[in-house]
Amino acid sequence: MGGSRRLDFLKAYRKARSWDCSPVSAAFRALRFALFGDSGRFRTHHGMRISRIVRMDEG
């Protein structure tokens, strides 16, 4: 992974973990976010919410 993708991965992983997502699920969603710019929908907040992390390109 390039430098910016590594930072994207860490940012998404930390965000998902802060939403009480499991470590394995957070890592998978962070990888998807780093590669494609979209984590897809996943359960957060102890299964009470469905969330998504999306890269917003400036421009």
N, C-alpha and C. Protein backbone atom coordinates (compact mmCIF):
# COMPACT_ATOMS: atom_id res chain seq x y z
N MET A 1 0.85 -1.18 0.00
CA MET A 1 0.00 0.00 0.00
C MET A 1 0.88 1.23 0.00
N GLY A 2 0.47 2.23 -0.76
CA GLY A 2 1.20 3.50 -0.78
C GLY A 2 0.98 4.27 0.51
N GLY A 3 1.72 5.36 0.65
CA GLY A 3 1.64 6.16 1.87
C GLY A 3 0.26 6.71 2.15
N SER A 4 -0.40 7.24 1.12
CA SER A 4 -1.73 7.82 1.35
C SER A 4 -2.77 6.73 1.63
N ARG A 5 -2.61 5.58 1.00
CA ARG A 5 -3.55 4.48 1.26
C ARG A 5 -3.38 3.93 2.67
N ARG A 6 -2.13 3.92 3.14
CA ARG A 6 -1.88 3.47 4.51
C ARG A 6 -2.57 4.42 5.50
N LEU A 7 -2.47 5.72 5.24
CA LEU A 7 -3.14 6.69 6.10
C LEU A 7 -4.66 6.55 6.01
N ASP A 8 -5.17 6.30 4.81
CA ASP A 8 -6.61 6.08 4.65
C ASP A 8 -7.05 4.86 5.46
N PHE A 9 -6.25 3.79 5.41
CA PHE A 9 -6.56 2.58 6.16
C PHE A 9 -6.63 2.89 7.65
N LEU A 10 -5.60 3.57 8.17
CA LEU A 10 -5.57 3.87 9.61
C LEU A 10 -6.74 4.76 10.02
N LYS A 11 -7.04 5.75 9.20
CA LYS A 11 -8.15 6.66 9.51
C LYS A 11 -9.48 5.88 9.57
N ALA A 12 -9.72 5.04 8.57
CA ALA A 12 -10.97 4.29 8.54
C ALA A 12 -11.03 3.26 9.66
N TYR A 13 -9.90 2.60 9.95
CA TYR A 13 -9.87 1.61 11.02
C TYR A 13 -10.20 2.26 12.36
N ARG A 14 -9.55 3.39 12.64
CA ARG A 14 -9.81 4.09 13.90
C ARG A 14 -11.25 4.57 14.00
N LYS A 15 -11.80 5.04 12.89
CA LYS A 15 -13.19 5.50 12.88
C LYS A 15 -14.14 4.34 13.18
N ALA A 16 -13.94 3.22 12.50
CA ALA A 16 -14.81 2.06 12.72
C ALA A 16 -14.70 1.54 14.15
N ARG A 17 -13.47 1.49 14.69
CA ARG A 17 -13.30 1.04 16.07
C ARG A 17 -13.95 2.00 17.05
N SER A 18 -13.93 3.30 16.75
CA SER A 18 -14.56 4.28 17.64
C SER A 18 -16.08 4.11 17.64
N TRP A 19 -16.60 3.48 16.59
CA TRP A 19 -18.04 3.19 16.51
C TRP A 19 -18.37 1.80 17.06
N ASP A 20 -17.47 1.21 17.84
CA ASP A 20 -17.65 -0.10 18.49
C ASP A 20 -17.79 -1.24 17.49
N CYS A 21 -17.07 -1.17 16.41
CA CYS A 21 -17.02 -2.24 15.43
C CYS A 21 -15.93 -3.22 15.87
N SER A 22 -16.08 -4.50 15.60
CA SER A 22 -15.07 -5.48 16.00
C SER A 22 -13.76 -5.22 15.26
N PRO A 23 -12.63 -5.63 15.83
CA PRO A 23 -11.34 -5.40 15.16
C PRO A 23 -11.24 -6.03 13.77
N VAL A 24 -11.78 -7.23 13.60
CA VAL A 24 -11.71 -7.90 12.30
C VAL A 24 -12.57 -7.17 11.28
N SER A 25 -13.78 -6.83 11.65
CA SER A 25 -14.67 -6.10 10.74
C SER A 25 -14.11 -4.72 10.42
N ALA A 26 -13.55 -4.05 11.42
CA ALA A 26 -12.96 -2.72 11.20
C ALA A 26 -11.80 -2.81 10.21
N ALA A 27 -10.97 -3.84 10.34
CA ALA A 27 -9.83 -4.01 9.43
C ALA A 27 -10.31 -4.27 8.01
N PHE A 28 -11.33 -5.11 7.85
CA PHE A 28 -11.86 -5.40 6.52
C PHE A 28 -12.46 -4.15 5.89
N ARG A 29 -13.24 -3.40 6.66
CA ARG A 29 -13.86 -2.17 6.14
C ARG A 29 -12.81 -1.11 5.83
N ALA A 30 -11.76 -1.04 6.65
CA ALA A 30 -10.69 -0.07 6.41
C ALA A 30 -9.92 -0.43 5.14
N LEU A 31 -9.70 -1.71 4.89
CA LEU A 31 -9.03 -2.14 3.67
C LEU A 31 -9.86 -1.76 2.44
N ARG A 32 -11.16 -2.03 2.51
CA ARG A 32 -12.05 -1.64 1.40
C ARG A 32 -12.01 -0.13 1.16
N PHE A 33 -12.02 0.64 2.26
CA PHE A 33 -11.98 2.09 2.14
C PHE A 33 -10.67 2.54 1.50
N ALA A 34 -9.55 1.97 1.94
CA ALA A 34 -8.24 2.36 1.41
C ALA A 34 -8.11 2.04 -0.08
N LEU A 35 -8.67 0.91 -0.50
CA LEU A 35 -8.54 0.50 -1.90
C LEU A 35 -9.56 1.16 -2.82
N PHE A 36 -10.81 1.31 -2.35
CA PHE A 36 -11.88 1.76 -3.23
C PHE A 36 -12.50 3.10 -2.86
N GLY A 37 -12.19 3.62 -1.66
CA GLY A 37 -12.76 4.89 -1.23
C GLY A 37 -14.15 4.75 -0.63
N ASP A 38 -14.58 3.51 -0.40
CA ASP A 38 -15.91 3.26 0.16
C ASP A 38 -15.84 1.98 0.98
N SER A 39 -16.27 2.05 2.23
CA SER A 39 -16.20 0.87 3.10
C SER A 39 -17.35 -0.08 2.87
N GLY A 40 -18.42 0.39 2.25
CA GLY A 40 -19.65 -0.39 2.18
C GLY A 40 -20.39 -0.24 3.51
N ARG A 41 -21.61 -0.70 3.54
CA ARG A 41 -22.40 -0.57 4.77
C ARG A 41 -22.04 -1.68 5.75
N PHE A 42 -21.99 -1.33 7.03
CA PHE A 42 -21.67 -2.32 8.06
C PHE A 42 -22.30 -1.90 9.38
N ARG A 43 -22.52 -2.88 10.24
CA ARG A 43 -23.16 -2.62 11.54
C ARG A 43 -22.17 -2.02 12.52
N THR A 44 -22.63 -1.00 13.25
CA THR A 44 -21.81 -0.33 14.26
C THR A 44 -22.65 -0.07 15.50
N HIS A 45 -22.02 0.51 16.50
CA HIS A 45 -22.71 0.87 17.74
C HIS A 45 -23.44 -0.34 18.34
N HIS A 46 -22.67 -1.43 18.47
CA HIS A 46 -23.21 -2.69 19.04
C HIS A 46 -24.39 -3.22 18.25
N GLY A 47 -24.35 -3.05 16.92
CA GLY A 47 -25.39 -3.58 16.05
C GLY A 47 -26.63 -2.72 15.95
N MET A 48 -26.62 -1.55 16.55
CA MET A 48 -27.81 -0.69 16.56
C MET A 48 -27.88 0.25 15.36
N ARG A 49 -26.78 0.40 14.61
CA ARG A 49 -26.76 1.29 13.47
C ARG A 49 -26.09 0.61 12.28
N ILE A 50 -26.37 1.12 11.11
CA ILE A 50 -25.64 0.73 9.91
C ILE A 50 -24.91 1.97 9.44
N SER A 51 -23.60 1.85 9.27
CA SER A 51 -22.77 3.00 8.92
C SER A 51 -21.98 2.71 7.65
N ARG A 52 -21.37 3.76 7.13
CA ARG A 52 -20.57 3.66 5.91
C ARG A 52 -19.51 4.75 5.95
N ILE A 53 -18.30 4.45 5.52
CA ILE A 53 -17.23 5.44 5.43
C ILE A 53 -16.94 5.64 3.95
N VAL A 54 -17.04 6.88 3.50
CA VAL A 54 -16.86 7.20 2.08
C VAL A 54 -15.85 8.32 1.94
N ARG A 55 -14.96 8.18 0.95
CA ARG A 55 -13.98 9.24 0.68
C ARG A 55 -14.69 10.35 -0.11
N MET A 56 -14.57 11.56 0.40
CA MET A 56 -15.16 12.71 -0.28
C MET A 56 -14.04 13.46 -0.98
N ASP A 57 -13.98 13.35 -2.31
CA ASP A 57 -12.94 14.05 -3.08
C ASP A 57 -13.28 15.52 -3.14
N GLU A 58 -12.27 16.33 -2.87
CA GLU A 58 -12.46 17.76 -2.95
C GLU A 58 -12.28 18.20 -4.39
N GLY A 59 -13.16 19.10 -4.82
CA GLY A 59 -12.97 19.58 -6.19
C GLY A 59 -14.17 20.03 -6.83
